Amino acid sequence: MCGFSGCIDYYANNIEIAGTAKIMTEALSYQNSGRRGIWNGKYASLGYQNLNIINKHNSTQPMEAKDHNGHNAVIAFNGQVFNFIELREELKSYGYQFETNSDTEVLLKGYLHWGTDIVHHLNGMYATAIWDCNREQLFLFRDRMGIKPLYYALTDSGIVFSSEIKAIFASLKVNPCVSRDGFCELLDMLKTPERTIYDGVFEIRPGTSLVFNKGGLNKITYWSLQAKEHTDNLDMTINTVRNILTDTVKKQIISDAPLCSLLSGGLDSSAITSMAANEITDGRLPSFSLDFTHNIESFQADGVRGAPDAPFARLLAKHAGTQHTELLLNSEEMLDDSIRQKVLKAVDAPPAYWGDMWPSLYLLFRELKKYSSVALSGEGADEVFGGYQWFRNPAAQSAETFPWLTAGSSRYFGGSQLVIPPKNRCINK
């Protein structure tokens, strides 16, 4: 992904602030061979590493712009605004002119027009830093579901922030210290909102914005998921889900970089692949499935997969008319220490559960990068649509807790050994 970082300091000189931001941005340079940019101003410096997904030829970050009254601001942004075309047309009606076709410029000029209320106009996945030059304040915000990461740490005279924790430590303004609470976070599969394993380093919550100025720090929750009773009948539910998914896929296939789809043959990836293939008119959608050498030789069903993916992926690829490729990875490579070191560097902390998930993801995308820079997937669908087997376990369904968080559900998958905690008992103290 793209990466950005920055340093705000109300007492240091501009040369020192600029040097800090440069070092922080260089800490992200392992990610890609895209362009790097640094913006320096009074009290603030922002840096950016570009992966080049949308409008790579004339969109440069950090980007600076002014409104009709000369009010100027600077943005560093990671992600995509899916409704940027509609927002651009709306902003044009207010008199704004655009020099690029990028969502970055739309996001920045949207801030100049709406201020911090820009968050209520966006549809997308994003982590964003905007330095308001006139107000001399920093505006950080994250998408509603928290798809794109964003971290910060307060210093004696300001704040450092980045899309990755490694850049915060590169600033040398924060020490990488793990105390008791952080160590508990490291060992637990559940995550405490906002907390990282490191002392003094925090993650901005999904649907949350943060304003930092000389007066201090102010956090605002601009969106949160609301649970409501489902009253639609089956036909209305089907139409609603279909319309939402279709609209989402249409918006997410906008890319100037090569696009593909990850296809396992399951319901979620099959639906997304089919919808994307229907929308693409200038050729066939490339689709990719993954398997490991040990599965080819001796597949064994478990609580997650009851059958190999490949036959189902082939059937769907034929049905949707995709240009399908089967990637076969070496199982033994997942144990390679160099692979695990690269995973560790990427995620900035030991994952709570190693297994083969993180190394296999690394190997998958390393291979996929040879063909494409952007991949559609059904990530998160099991949580939304009840795809895990324990969601259908009677003991989990009747427990006085969320079925996907019931004690033992993740350990036993099928839930045959599910343990239900006593009423009102705190599971995770």
Protein backbone atom coordinates (compact mmCIF):
# COMPACT_ATOMS: atom_id res chain seq x y z
CA MET A 1 0.00 0.00 0.00
CA CYS A 2 0.99 3.67 -0.11
CA GLY A 3 2.52 5.13 3.01
CA PHE A 4 2.64 8.57 4.60
CA SER A 5 3.98 10.16 7.74
CA GLY A 6 4.47 13.54 9.31
CA CYS A 7 5.72 15.63 12.18
CA ILE A 8 4.07 18.61 13.84
CA ASP A 9 6.14 20.59 16.33
CA TYR A 10 5.22 24.05 17.60
CA TYR A 11 8.61 24.75 19.17
CA ALA A 12 11.25 23.13 16.95
CA ASN A 13 12.76 24.95 13.97
CA ASN A 14 11.62 24.15 10.43
CA ILE A 15 14.87 22.43 9.46
CA GLU A 16 14.57 19.97 12.35
CA ILE A 17 10.90 19.22 11.57
CA ALA A 18 11.67 18.66 7.89
CA GLY A 19 14.55 16.34 8.76
CA THR A 20 12.32 14.27 11.03
CA ALA A 21 9.62 13.88 8.36
CA LYS A 22 12.23 12.89 5.77
CA ILE A 23 13.61 10.14 8.01
CA MET A 24 10.10 8.92 8.80
CA THR A 25 9.17 8.75 5.13
CA GLU A 26 12.38 6.91 4.25
CA ALA A 27 11.38 4.25 6.78
CA LEU A 28 8.46 3.43 4.45
CA SER A 29 10.57 3.18 1.29
CA TYR A 30 10.78 -0.62 1.36
CA GLN A 31 7.18 -0.82 0.18
CA ASN A 32 7.45 0.14 -3.46
CA SER A 33 9.40 1.87 -6.17
CA GLY A 34 6.87 4.66 -6.55
CA ARG A 35 7.58 8.35 -6.08
CA ARG A 36 8.40 9.96 -2.75
CA GLY A 37 7.33 13.45 -1.78
CA ILE A 38 8.01 15.79 1.14
CA TRP A 39 6.18 19.02 2.01
CA ASN A 40 7.65 21.44 4.53
CA GLY A 41 6.01 24.44 6.17
CA LYS A 42 5.75 26.35 9.42
CA TYR A 43 5.40 23.90 12.34
CA ALA A 44 4.69 20.97 10.00
CA SER A 45 6.22 18.54 7.53
CA LEU A 46 4.45 15.71 5.67
CA GLY A 47 5.97 12.85 3.68
CA TYR A 48 4.52 10.36 1.22
CA GLN A 49 5.40 7.13 -0.60
CA ASN A 50 3.28 6.60 -3.71
CA LEU A 51 2.05 3.22 -4.96
CA ASN A 52 0.38 4.78 -8.03
CA ILE A 53 -3.16 3.35 -8.15
CA ILE A 54 -5.32 6.20 -9.48
CA ASN A 55 -4.16 8.87 -11.93
CA LYS A 56 -0.49 8.12 -11.42
CA HIS A 57 0.72 10.54 -14.08
CA ASN A 58 -0.46 13.88 -12.66
CA SER A 59 -1.27 13.36 -8.99
CA THR A 60 1.56 14.10 -6.58
CA GLN A 61 1.50 13.95 -2.79
CA PRO A 62 1.74 15.68 -0.45
CA MET A 63 -0.62 18.00 -2.35
CA GLU A 64 -1.30 21.65 -1.52
CA ALA A 65 -4.32 23.73 -2.59
CA LYS A 66 -6.18 26.96 -1.78
CA ASP A 67 -9.85 27.86 -1.63
CA HIS A 68 -11.48 31.00 -3.08
CA ASN A 69 -10.33 33.09 -0.10
CA GLY A 70 -6.70 31.98 -0.18
CA HIS A 71 -7.11 29.50 2.68
CA ASN A 72 -4.59 26.74 2.00
CA ALA A 73 -4.07 23.21 3.24
CA VAL A 74 -1.84 20.22 2.50
CA ILE A 75 -2.84 16.56 2.31
CA ALA A 76 -1.15 13.16 2.59
CA PHE A 77 -3.62 10.39 1.90
CA ASN A 78 -3.63 6.61 1.62
CA GLY A 79 -6.55 4.71 0.09
CA GLN A 80 -9.34 5.46 -2.36
CA VAL A 81 -12.43 7.67 -2.31
CA PHE A 82 -14.93 5.69 -4.35
CA ASN A 83 -17.38 8.54 -4.89
CA PHE A 84 -14.74 11.10 -5.87
CA ILE A 85 -16.22 11.64 -9.35
CA GLU A 86 -19.57 12.71 -7.90
CA LEU A 87 -17.86 14.89 -5.28
CA ARG A 88 -15.70 16.54 -7.94
CA GLU A 89 -18.79 17.52 -9.94
CA GLU A 90 -20.43 18.91 -6.81
CA LEU A 91 -17.35 20.94 -5.91
CA LYS A 92 -17.18 22.28 -9.49
CA SER A 93 -20.68 23.64 -8.98
CA TYR A 94 -19.28 25.64 -6.04
CA GLY A 95 -16.62 27.16 -8.28
CA TYR A 96 -13.66 24.86 -7.60
CA GLN A 97 -11.34 23.99 -10.48
CA PHE A 98 -9.27 20.81 -10.74
CA GLU A 99 -5.82 20.28 -12.18
CA THR A 100 -5.87 16.47 -11.93
CA ASN A 101 -8.37 13.62 -12.20
CA SER A 102 -7.35 12.22 -8.80
CA ASP A 103 -9.39 11.51 -5.71
CA THR A 104 -6.59 13.18 -3.69
CA GLU A 105 -7.37 16.62 -5.11
CA VAL A 106 -11.10 16.06 -4.58
CA LEU A 107 -10.50 15.10 -0.96
CA LEU A 108 -8.29 18.14 -0.32
CA LYS A 109 -10.65 20.66 -1.93
CA GLY A 110 -13.55 18.98 -0.21
CA TYR A 111 -11.82 19.81 3.07
CA LEU A 112 -11.29 23.40 1.97
CA HIS A 113 -15.03 23.65 1.28
CA TRP A 114 -16.59 21.59 4.09
CA GLY A 115 -13.83 21.65 6.68
CA THR A 116 -13.77 18.70 9.06
CA ASP A 117 -17.31 17.81 7.91
CA ILE A 118 -15.70 16.32 4.78
CA VAL A 119 -15.84 12.97 6.59
CA HIS A 120 -19.63 12.88 6.17
CA HIS A 121 -19.36 13.14 2.37
CA LEU A 122 -16.97 10.25 1.73
CA ASN A 123 -17.47 6.70 0.51
CA GLY A 124 -14.24 4.74 0.50
CA MET A 125 -11.30 3.34 2.39
CA TYR A 126 -8.79 5.91 3.55
CA ALA A 127 -6.40 7.20 6.15
CA THR A 128 -5.80 10.92 5.79
CA ALA A 129 -3.63 13.69 7.21
CA ILE A 130 -4.45 17.33 6.39
CA TRP A 131 -2.37 20.23 7.67
CA ASP A 132 -4.43 23.42 7.74
CA CYS A 133 -1.85 26.16 7.14
CA ASN A 134 -4.08 29.04 8.19
CA ARG A 135 -5.41 27.47 11.37
CA GLU A 136 -2.05 25.82 12.07
CA GLN A 137 -3.71 22.56 13.00
CA LEU A 138 -3.58 18.92 11.97
CA PHE A 139 -6.66 16.96 10.92
CA LEU A 140 -6.34 13.16 10.92
CA PHE A 141 -9.18 10.78 10.06
CA ARG A 142 -9.82 7.19 9.14
CA ASP A 143 -12.50 5.42 7.12
CA ARG A 144 -15.66 4.14 8.77
CA MET A 145 -14.64 0.48 8.94
CA GLY A 146 -10.95 1.07 9.62
CA ILE A 147 -9.63 -0.58 6.46
CA LYS A 148 -6.63 1.73 6.20
CA PRO A 149 -4.38 2.05 9.29
CA LEU A 150 -3.30 5.30 10.92
CA TYR A 151 -1.13 5.72 14.04
CA TYR A 152 0.07 8.65 16.13
CA ALA A 153 2.11 9.50 19.19
CA LEU A 154 2.21 12.73 21.19
CA THR A 155 5.59 14.33 21.82
CA ASP A 156 6.68 17.03 24.27
CA SER A 157 5.86 19.78 21.78
CA GLY A 158 3.75 18.21 19.07
CA ILE A 159 2.73 14.99 17.38
CA VAL A 160 4.15 12.41 14.97
CA PHE A 161 1.89 10.22 12.84
CA SER A 162 2.09 7.62 10.11
CA SER A 163 0.29 4.86 8.27
CA GLU A 164 2.86 2.48 9.81
CA ILE A 165 4.33 2.35 13.30
CA LYS A 166 7.90 1.89 12.05
CA ALA A 167 7.96 5.49 10.80
CA ILE A 168 6.93 6.78 14.24
CA PHE A 169 9.93 5.07 15.82
CA ALA A 170 12.18 6.34 13.02
CA SER A 171 11.41 9.87 14.20
CA LEU A 172 13.43 9.12 17.38
CA LYS A 173 10.81 11.07 19.33
CA VAL A 174 9.16 7.87 20.64
CA ASN A 175 10.86 4.87 22.24
CA PRO A 176 9.68 1.36 21.21
CA CYS A 177 8.69 0.19 24.68
CA VAL A 178 6.36 -2.74 25.41
CA SER A 179 4.93 -2.85 28.93
CA ARG A 180 2.57 -5.33 30.60
CA ASP A 181 -0.59 -4.08 28.88
CA GLY A 182 1.12 -4.08 25.52
CA PHE A 183 2.37 -7.60 26.06
CA CYS A 184 -1.19 -8.73 26.78
CA GLU A 185 -2.26 -7.18 23.48
CA LEU A 186 0.49 -9.10 21.74
CA LEU A 187 -0.72 -12.47 23.05
CA ASP A 188 -4.46 -11.95 22.60
CA MET A 189 -6.38 -12.63 19.40
CA LEU A 190 -8.79 -9.82 20.34
CA LYS A 191 -7.72 -6.22 19.90
CA THR A 192 -8.41 -3.36 22.29
CA PRO A 193 -9.67 -0.39 20.23
CA GLU A 194 -7.10 2.37 19.77
CA ARG A 195 -4.35 0.55 21.66
CA THR A 196 -1.16 -0.84 20.12
CA ILE A 197 1.38 -3.04 21.86
CA TYR A 198 3.73 -0.03 22.24
CA ASP A 199 3.57 2.52 25.04
CA GLY A 200 2.44 5.92 23.83
CA VAL A 201 1.59 4.81 20.28
CA PHE A 202 -2.11 4.80 19.42
CA GLU A 203 -4.21 3.78 16.45
CA ILE A 204 -6.99 6.12 15.36
CA ARG A 205 -10.26 4.23 15.69
CA PRO A 206 -12.44 3.48 12.65
CA GLY A 207 -14.95 6.24 11.97
CA THR A 208 -12.92 8.65 14.08
CA SER A 209 -11.23 11.98 13.38
CA LEU A 210 -8.60 13.78 15.38
CA VAL A 211 -7.76 17.50 15.48
CA PHE A 212 -4.44 18.57 16.96
CA ASN A 213 -3.34 22.17 17.50
CA LYS A 214 -1.59 24.33 20.11
CA GLY A 215 -4.59 23.84 22.38
CA GLY A 216 -4.15 20.07 22.47
CA LEU A 217 -5.85 16.98 21.04
CA ASN A 218 -9.54 16.51 20.26
CA LYS A 219 -11.03 13.20 19.09
CA ILE A 220 -14.45 12.91 17.46
CA THR A 221 -16.38 9.76 16.51
CA TYR A 222 -18.09 10.79 13.29
CA TRP A 223 -19.61 7.36 12.50
CA SER A 224 -20.35 4.11 14.34
CA LEU A 225 -22.08 0.90 13.40
CA GLN A 226 -25.68 0.76 14.65
CA ALA A 227 -27.46 -2.50 15.42
CA LYS A 228 -31.13 -2.51 14.44
CA GLU A 229 -33.83 -5.13 14.14
CA HIS A 230 -34.04 -6.60 10.62
CA THR A 231 -37.61 -6.23 9.37
CA ASP A 232 -37.23 -6.77 5.59
CA ASN A 233 -38.63 -9.93 4.03
CA LEU A 234 -36.45 -12.34 2.04
CA ASP A 235 -37.00 -10.71 -1.38
CA MET A 236 -36.25 -7.21 -0.04
CA THR A 237 -33.14 -8.50 1.72
CA ILE A 238 -31.84 -10.17 -1.45
CA ASN A 239 -32.39 -7.02 -3.50
CA THR A 240 -30.75 -4.80 -0.88
CA VAL A 241 -27.65 -6.98 -0.60
CA ARG A 242 -27.38 -7.33 -4.39
CA ASN A 243 -27.68 -3.57 -4.96
CA ILE A 244 -25.12 -2.73 -2.28
CA LEU A 245 -22.60 -5.28 -3.56
CA THR A 246 -23.08 -4.25 -7.20
CA ASP A 247 -22.62 -0.58 -6.40
CA THR A 248 -19.56 -1.34 -4.25
CA VAL A 249 -17.87 -3.43 -6.95
CA LYS A 250 -18.55 -0.77 -9.60
CA LYS A 251 -16.83 1.86 -7.49
CA GLN A 252 -13.88 -0.31 -6.48
CA ILE A 253 -12.86 -1.42 -9.96
CA ILE A 254 -11.81 2.15 -10.82
CA SER A 255 -8.03 1.93 -11.10
CA ASP A 256 -5.21 3.12 -13.36
CA ALA A 257 -3.15 0.10 -12.31
CA PRO A 258 -3.71 -3.53 -13.46
CA LEU A 259 -6.77 -4.98 -11.70
CA CYS A 260 -7.56 -8.59 -10.85
CA SER A 261 -9.76 -10.67 -8.56
CA LEU A 262 -8.85 -13.26 -5.94
CA LEU A 263 -11.08 -16.28 -6.51
CA SER A 264 -11.29 -19.17 -4.05
CA GLY A 265 -14.57 -20.55 -5.37
CA GLY A 266 -16.39 -19.60 -2.17
CA LEU A 267 -19.57 -17.54 -2.17
CA ASP A 268 -18.01 -14.17 -1.36
CA SER A 269 -15.14 -14.19 -3.88
CA SER A 270 -17.38 -15.80 -6.51
CA ALA A 271 -20.02 -13.07 -6.20
CA ILE A 272 -17.44 -10.27 -6.37
CA THR A 273 -15.59 -11.84 -9.30
CA SER A 274 -18.81 -12.34 -11.26
CA MET A 275 -19.97 -8.76 -10.65
CA ALA A 276 -16.60 -7.31 -11.59
CA ALA A 277 -16.41 -9.42 -14.74
CA ASN A 278 -19.84 -8.13 -15.78
CA GLU A 279 -18.75 -4.50 -15.32
CA ILE A 280 -15.46 -4.72 -17.22
CA THR A 281 -16.01 -4.12 -20.93
CA ASP A 282 -12.44 -3.67 -22.22
CA GLY A 283 -11.28 -7.28 -21.97
CA ARG A 284 -11.59 -10.19 -19.56
CA LEU A 285 -11.08 -9.81 -15.83
CA PRO A 286 -7.93 -11.65 -14.63
CA SER A 287 -8.73 -13.95 -11.70
CA PHE A 288 -6.33 -15.88 -9.50
CA SER A 289 -6.70 -18.84 -7.20
CA LEU A 290 -4.08 -20.08 -4.75
CA ASP A 291 -2.96 -23.45 -3.53
CA PHE A 292 0.08 -24.99 -1.87
CA THR A 293 2.07 -28.01 -2.93
CA HIS A 294 1.15 -29.97 0.21
CA ASN A 295 -2.58 -29.51 -0.49
CA ILE A 296 -2.18 -30.89 -3.98
CA GLU A 297 -0.45 -33.96 -2.64
CA SER A 298 -2.57 -34.64 0.45
CA PHE A 299 -5.55 -32.40 1.12
CA GLN A 300 -7.25 -32.88 4.48
CA ALA A 301 -10.59 -31.33 5.38
CA ASP A 302 -10.71 -29.21 8.54
CA GLY A 303 -13.08 -26.89 10.34
CA VAL A 304 -12.56 -24.15 7.76
CA ARG A 305 -12.34 -25.99 4.46
CA GLY A 306 -14.23 -29.14 3.68
CA ALA A 307 -12.90 -29.52 0.12
CA PRO A 308 -10.11 -28.12 -2.09
CA ASP A 309 -10.77 -24.69 -3.60
CA ALA A 310 -9.44 -25.30 -7.11
CA PRO A 311 -12.41 -27.19 -8.66
CA PHE A 312 -14.91 -24.57 -7.47
CA ALA A 313 -12.69 -21.69 -8.63
CA ARG A 314 -12.40 -23.25 -12.10
CA LEU A 315 -16.17 -23.62 -12.41
CA LEU A 316 -16.80 -20.02 -11.44
CA ALA A 317 -14.02 -18.68 -13.71
CA LYS A 318 -15.59 -20.53 -16.64
CA HIS A 319 -19.06 -19.25 -15.73
CA ALA A 320 -17.90 -15.62 -15.36
CA GLY A 321 -15.56 -15.74 -18.35
CA THR A 322 -12.46 -14.57 -16.47
CA GLN A 323 -8.88 -15.00 -17.52
CA HIS A 324 -8.02 -17.46 -14.77
CA THR A 325 -4.60 -18.36 -13.37
CA GLU A 326 -3.86 -20.92 -10.66
CA LEU A 327 -0.93 -19.93 -8.44
CA LEU A 328 0.89 -22.83 -6.79
CA LEU A 329 3.14 -21.87 -3.89
CA ASN A 330 5.87 -23.88 -2.21
CA SER A 331 4.70 -24.97 1.22
CA GLU A 332 8.22 -25.24 2.62
CA GLU A 333 8.92 -21.58 1.86
CA MET A 334 6.49 -20.55 4.60
CA LEU A 335 9.04 -21.80 7.13
CA ASP A 336 11.86 -19.76 5.61
CA ASP A 337 13.22 -17.34 8.21
CA SER A 338 13.69 -14.56 5.64
CA ILE A 339 9.98 -14.73 4.78
CA ARG A 340 9.01 -14.45 8.43
CA GLN A 341 11.38 -11.52 8.92
CA LYS A 342 9.72 -9.68 6.02
CA VAL A 343 6.29 -10.32 7.53
CA LEU A 344 7.49 -9.06 10.91
CA LYS A 345 8.89 -5.88 9.34
CA ALA A 346 5.68 -5.27 7.45
CA VAL A 347 3.30 -5.59 10.41
CA ASP A 348 5.61 -3.88 12.93
CA ALA A 349 4.94 -6.45 15.68
CA PRO A 350 4.78 -10.23 16.08
CA PRO A 351 1.27 -11.34 15.03
CA ALA A 352 -0.81 -12.83 17.86
CA TYR A 353 -1.04 -16.07 15.91
CA TRP A 354 1.59 -16.98 13.33
CA GLY A 355 0.55 -20.33 11.90
CA ASP A 356 0.79 -20.23 8.12
CA MET A 357 -1.59 -17.31 7.56
CA TRP A 358 0.82 -14.36 7.48
CA PRO A 359 3.63 -16.07 5.54
CA SER A 360 1.11 -17.51 3.06
CA LEU A 361 -0.41 -14.05 2.51
CA TYR A 362 3.04 -12.62 1.87
CA LEU A 363 3.86 -15.37 -0.65
CA LEU A 364 0.50 -14.92 -2.35
CA PHE A 365 0.87 -11.19 -2.92
CA ARG A 366 4.54 -11.46 -3.83
CA GLU A 367 3.51 -13.78 -6.65
CA LEU A 368 0.41 -11.77 -7.54
CA LYS A 369 2.46 -8.56 -7.87
CA LYS A 370 4.00 -10.02 -11.03
CA TYR A 371 0.60 -9.71 -12.68
CA SER A 372 -1.35 -6.96 -10.93
CA SER A 373 -1.17 -4.14 -8.37
CA VAL A 374 -4.85 -4.11 -7.32
CA ALA A 375 -6.84 -7.17 -6.25
CA LEU A 376 -10.51 -7.51 -5.36
CA SER A 377 -11.32 -10.00 -2.61
CA GLY A 378 -14.10 -11.09 -0.30
CA GLU A 379 -12.14 -10.19 2.84
CA GLY A 380 -14.45 -9.73 5.83
CA ALA A 381 -17.45 -11.47 4.28
CA ASP A 382 -17.38 -14.38 6.74
CA GLU A 383 -17.88 -11.97 9.63
CA VAL A 384 -20.74 -10.14 7.88
CA PHE A 385 -22.58 -13.11 6.38
CA GLY A 386 -21.88 -15.82 8.96
CA GLY A 387 -19.46 -17.85 6.88
CA TYR A 388 -17.64 -19.60 9.70
CA GLN A 389 -18.98 -22.98 10.78
CA TRP A 390 -19.32 -22.01 14.44
CA PHE A 391 -21.88 -19.38 13.44
CA ARG A 392 -24.26 -22.30 12.90
CA ASN A 393 -23.40 -24.06 16.14
CA PRO A 394 -26.45 -24.12 18.47
CA ALA A 395 -24.33 -23.57 21.58
CA ALA A 396 -22.73 -20.47 20.08
CA GLN A 397 -26.07 -19.12 18.86
CA SER A 398 -27.68 -19.45 22.28
CA ALA A 399 -24.75 -17.96 24.20
CA GLU A 400 -25.20 -14.54 25.77
CA THR A 401 -22.34 -13.13 23.74
CA PHE A 402 -21.47 -12.64 20.08
CA PRO A 403 -21.24 -16.12 18.48
CA TRP A 404 -17.97 -15.28 16.72
CA LEU A 405 -16.39 -14.28 20.03
CA THR A 406 -17.73 -17.10 22.18
CA ALA A 407 -15.00 -18.76 24.22
CA GLY A 408 -13.51 -21.68 22.30
CA SER A 409 -15.16 -20.89 18.95
CA SER A 410 -11.93 -19.90 17.23
CA ARG A 411 -10.08 -22.80 18.79
CA TYR A 412 -12.44 -25.57 17.83
CA PHE A 413 -13.95 -24.07 14.65
CA GLY A 414 -16.87 -26.47 14.44
CA GLY A 415 -17.68 -25.70 18.06
CA SER A 416 -18.00 -29.32 19.25
CA GLN A 417 -16.05 -28.44 22.39
CA LEU A 418 -17.58 -25.01 22.82
CA VAL A 419 -17.55 -23.68 26.38
CA ILE A 420 -20.27 -21.21 27.31
CA PRO A 421 -19.27 -18.72 30.05
CA PRO A 422 -21.61 -18.17 33.00
CA LYS A 423 -24.10 -15.33 32.67
CA ASN A 424 -22.62 -11.82 33.10
CA ARG A 425 -19.12 -13.19 33.39
CA CYS A 426 -16.35 -11.12 31.82
CA ILE A 427 -14.44 -13.30 29.34
CA ASN A 428 -11.45 -11.05 28.78
CA LYS A 429 -10.39 -9.21 31.93
